[in-house]
Every structure is written in C-alpha cells, then in structure tokens.
Amino acid sequence: MPLVTPQLAAVEPWIPRLSARIMSQLQWAMVALRAAPPPEVLRALSRQGARELRRAAPRECAQLVWG
C-alpha cells in the first residue's frame, strides 16, 4: 500500500468542494506517485468531475479530462 493511500481516503469528504483545476492536480499527483486511491475516492472524483465539466471554462475542462 503506497504511503499516500490513507491521505487519499481523507480527501474524499472534500472532493465535492474541489474545482476542476484542483481535481486535475490531485489526479496528476496520484499518477505521479503511483498511488491507488480507494474505490470510493475514484467514484467521488468521477461524480464531481461530471458536475464541474458542466460549469467549467474550456481550459478547466481540458485540465480535468487531461488529469
């Protein structure tokens, strides 16, 4: 288990408040650290990502999809 897995689980309650940019950075960090987030974190990121895409600027959409 990567050292960041407990921290990722702690992020879950905050995900609904994250912007597309911050979610993109979080996703990039998970990949860079080769972290495997808990399934509930991935589900929360997917749900929030879908909400953010509806109201995000084009650049934010690109960051979120790229992340």
N, C-alpha and C. Protein backbone atom coordinates (compact mmCIF):
# COMPACT_ATOMS: atom_id res chain seq x y z
N MET A 1 0.85 -1.18 0.00
CA MET A 1 0.00 0.00 0.00
C MET A 1 0.90 1.24 0.00
N PRO A 2 0.73 2.11 -0.99
CA PRO A 2 1.52 3.35 -1.01
C PRO A 2 1.25 4.19 0.23
N LEU A 3 2.24 4.94 0.60
CA LEU A 3 2.13 5.77 1.81
C LEU A 3 1.04 6.82 1.73
N VAL A 4 0.63 7.21 0.52
CA VAL A 4 -0.37 8.27 0.40
C VAL A 4 -1.81 7.75 0.42
N THR A 5 -2.01 6.45 0.42
CA THR A 5 -3.37 5.91 0.38
C THR A 5 -4.24 6.42 1.54
N PRO A 6 -3.75 6.44 2.78
CA PRO A 6 -4.60 6.99 3.86
C PRO A 6 -4.95 8.46 3.65
N GLN A 7 -4.02 9.23 3.10
CA GLN A 7 -4.30 10.64 2.84
C GLN A 7 -5.35 10.79 1.75
N LEU A 8 -5.31 9.92 0.75
CA LEU A 8 -6.31 9.97 -0.31
C LEU A 8 -7.70 9.67 0.24
N ALA A 9 -7.80 8.73 1.14
CA ALA A 9 -9.08 8.41 1.75
C ALA A 9 -9.60 9.61 2.54
N ALA A 10 -8.70 10.36 3.17
CA ALA A 10 -9.10 11.53 3.95
C ALA A 10 -9.58 12.67 3.07
N VAL A 11 -9.22 12.67 1.80
CA VAL A 11 -9.61 13.73 0.87
C VAL A 11 -11.06 13.58 0.43
N GLU A 12 -11.60 12.39 0.49
CA GLU A 12 -12.94 12.13 -0.05
C GLU A 12 -14.00 13.13 0.38
N PRO A 13 -14.13 13.49 1.66
CA PRO A 13 -15.19 14.44 2.03
C PRO A 13 -15.02 15.82 1.39
N TRP A 14 -13.82 16.16 0.98
CA TRP A 14 -13.54 17.47 0.39
C TRP A 14 -13.79 17.50 -1.11
N ILE A 15 -13.90 16.37 -1.75
CA ILE A 15 -14.00 16.32 -3.21
C ILE A 15 -15.16 17.15 -3.76
N PRO A 16 -16.35 17.14 -3.16
CA PRO A 16 -17.43 17.97 -3.72
C PRO A 16 -17.12 19.47 -3.75
N ARG A 17 -16.13 19.91 -3.02
CA ARG A 17 -15.78 21.33 -2.98
C ARG A 17 -14.63 21.69 -3.93
N LEU A 18 -14.05 20.69 -4.58
CA LEU A 18 -12.87 20.93 -5.41
C LEU A 18 -13.24 21.44 -6.79
N SER A 19 -12.43 22.36 -7.27
CA SER A 19 -12.60 22.88 -8.63
C SER A 19 -12.00 21.88 -9.62
N ALA A 20 -12.29 22.10 -10.89
CA ALA A 20 -11.74 21.24 -11.94
C ALA A 20 -10.22 21.29 -11.90
N ARG A 21 -9.65 22.46 -11.69
CA ARG A 21 -8.19 22.60 -11.66
C ARG A 21 -7.57 21.80 -10.53
N ILE A 22 -8.15 21.89 -9.36
CA ILE A 22 -7.62 21.17 -8.20
C ILE A 22 -7.79 19.66 -8.38
N MET A 23 -8.93 19.24 -8.92
CA MET A 23 -9.12 17.80 -9.17
C MET A 23 -8.10 17.29 -10.17
N SER A 24 -7.81 18.08 -11.18
CA SER A 24 -6.80 17.70 -12.17
C SER A 24 -5.44 17.54 -11.50
N GLN A 25 -5.10 18.47 -10.62
CA GLN A 25 -3.82 18.37 -9.91
C GLN A 25 -3.77 17.16 -9.00
N LEU A 26 -4.87 16.86 -8.35
CA LEU A 26 -4.95 15.69 -7.48
C LEU A 26 -4.77 14.41 -8.29
N GLN A 27 -5.43 14.34 -9.44
CA GLN A 27 -5.31 13.16 -10.29
C GLN A 27 -3.89 13.02 -10.82
N TRP A 28 -3.27 14.13 -11.22
CA TRP A 28 -1.90 14.09 -11.71
C TRP A 28 -0.97 13.59 -10.61
N ALA A 29 -1.16 14.08 -9.38
CA ALA A 29 -0.33 13.66 -8.26
C ALA A 29 -0.48 12.16 -7.98
N MET A 30 -1.70 11.64 -8.08
CA MET A 30 -1.91 10.21 -7.86
C MET A 30 -1.12 9.39 -8.88
N VAL A 31 -1.14 9.82 -10.13
CA VAL A 31 -0.40 9.11 -11.18
C VAL A 31 1.10 9.23 -10.94
N ALA A 32 1.56 10.44 -10.64
CA ALA A 32 2.99 10.66 -10.43
C ALA A 32 3.51 9.84 -9.24
N LEU A 33 2.69 9.69 -8.22
CA LEU A 33 3.09 8.93 -7.04
C LEU A 33 2.77 7.44 -7.15
N ARG A 34 2.13 7.08 -8.26
CA ARG A 34 1.69 5.69 -8.48
C ARG A 34 0.81 5.21 -7.33
N ALA A 35 -0.06 6.10 -6.91
CA ALA A 35 -0.97 5.81 -5.80
C ALA A 35 -2.25 5.19 -6.34
N ALA A 36 -2.74 4.21 -5.64
CA ALA A 36 -4.00 3.57 -5.98
C ALA A 36 -5.04 4.03 -4.96
N PRO A 37 -5.86 5.01 -5.34
CA PRO A 37 -6.84 5.52 -4.38
C PRO A 37 -7.93 4.49 -4.10
N PRO A 38 -8.54 4.59 -2.94
CA PRO A 38 -9.66 3.70 -2.64
C PRO A 38 -10.79 3.92 -3.67
N PRO A 39 -11.57 2.88 -3.96
CA PRO A 39 -12.65 3.00 -4.95
C PRO A 39 -13.62 4.13 -4.66
N GLU A 40 -13.91 4.41 -3.40
CA GLU A 40 -14.86 5.48 -3.09
C GLU A 40 -14.30 6.85 -3.47
N VAL A 41 -12.99 7.00 -3.42
CA VAL A 41 -12.37 8.26 -3.85
C VAL A 41 -12.51 8.41 -5.36
N LEU A 42 -12.27 7.34 -6.10
CA LEU A 42 -12.43 7.39 -7.56
C LEU A 42 -13.87 7.70 -7.95
N ARG A 43 -14.83 7.10 -7.25
CA ARG A 43 -16.25 7.38 -7.55
C ARG A 43 -16.58 8.84 -7.26
N ALA A 44 -16.09 9.36 -6.14
CA ALA A 44 -16.36 10.75 -5.79
C ALA A 44 -15.72 11.70 -6.80
N LEU A 45 -14.51 11.39 -7.25
CA LEU A 45 -13.86 12.22 -8.27
C LEU A 45 -14.64 12.18 -9.58
N SER A 46 -15.14 11.02 -9.95
CA SER A 46 -15.93 10.91 -11.18
C SER A 46 -17.22 11.72 -11.10
N ARG A 47 -17.92 11.62 -9.98
CA ARG A 47 -19.16 12.38 -9.81
C ARG A 47 -18.90 13.88 -9.85
N GLN A 48 -17.90 14.32 -9.10
CA GLN A 48 -17.61 15.75 -9.06
C GLN A 48 -17.07 16.24 -10.40
N GLY A 49 -16.30 15.41 -11.06
CA GLY A 49 -15.79 15.79 -12.38
C GLY A 49 -16.92 16.03 -13.36
N ALA A 50 -17.94 15.18 -13.34
CA ALA A 50 -19.08 15.36 -14.23
C ALA A 50 -19.81 16.67 -13.92
N ARG A 51 -19.94 17.00 -12.64
CA ARG A 51 -20.60 18.26 -12.26
C ARG A 51 -19.77 19.46 -12.69
N GLU A 52 -18.48 19.39 -12.48
CA GLU A 52 -17.60 20.51 -12.82
C GLU A 52 -17.53 20.74 -14.32
N LEU A 53 -17.57 19.67 -15.11
CA LEU A 53 -17.49 19.83 -16.56
C LEU A 53 -18.65 20.66 -17.10
N ARG A 54 -19.80 20.56 -16.46
CA ARG A 54 -20.98 21.31 -16.92
C ARG A 54 -20.82 22.82 -16.75
N ARG A 55 -20.04 23.25 -15.76
CA ARG A 55 -19.95 24.68 -15.49
C ARG A 55 -18.53 25.23 -15.64
N ALA A 56 -17.61 24.40 -16.05
CA ALA A 56 -16.21 24.82 -16.15
C ALA A 56 -15.93 25.55 -17.46
N ALA A 57 -14.93 26.40 -17.42
CA ALA A 57 -14.44 27.07 -18.62
C ALA A 57 -13.72 26.03 -19.48
N PRO A 58 -13.55 26.30 -20.77
CA PRO A 58 -12.89 25.32 -21.65
C PRO A 58 -11.53 24.85 -21.13
N ARG A 59 -10.73 25.77 -20.61
CA ARG A 59 -9.41 25.37 -20.11
C ARG A 59 -9.54 24.43 -18.92
N GLU A 60 -10.49 24.69 -18.03
CA GLU A 60 -10.70 23.81 -16.87
C GLU A 60 -11.17 22.43 -17.32
N CYS A 61 -12.02 22.39 -18.34
CA CYS A 61 -12.48 21.09 -18.88
C CYS A 61 -11.28 20.30 -19.39
N ALA A 62 -10.41 20.97 -20.12
CA ALA A 62 -9.23 20.30 -20.66
C ALA A 62 -8.33 19.78 -19.53
N GLN A 63 -8.16 20.59 -18.48
CA GLN A 63 -7.33 20.17 -17.36
C GLN A 63 -7.93 18.96 -16.66
N LEU A 64 -9.24 18.97 -16.50
CA LEU A 64 -9.90 17.87 -15.80
C LEU A 64 -9.81 16.59 -16.60
N VAL A 65 -10.06 16.67 -17.89
CA VAL A 65 -10.01 15.48 -18.74
C VAL A 65 -8.56 14.99 -18.86
N TRP A 66 -7.62 15.92 -18.96
CA TRP A 66 -6.22 15.54 -19.07
C TRP A 66 -5.73 14.90 -17.79
N GLY A 67 -6.21 15.43 -16.62
CA GLY A 67 -5.76 14.92 -15.31
C GLY A 67 -6.12 13.50 -15.15
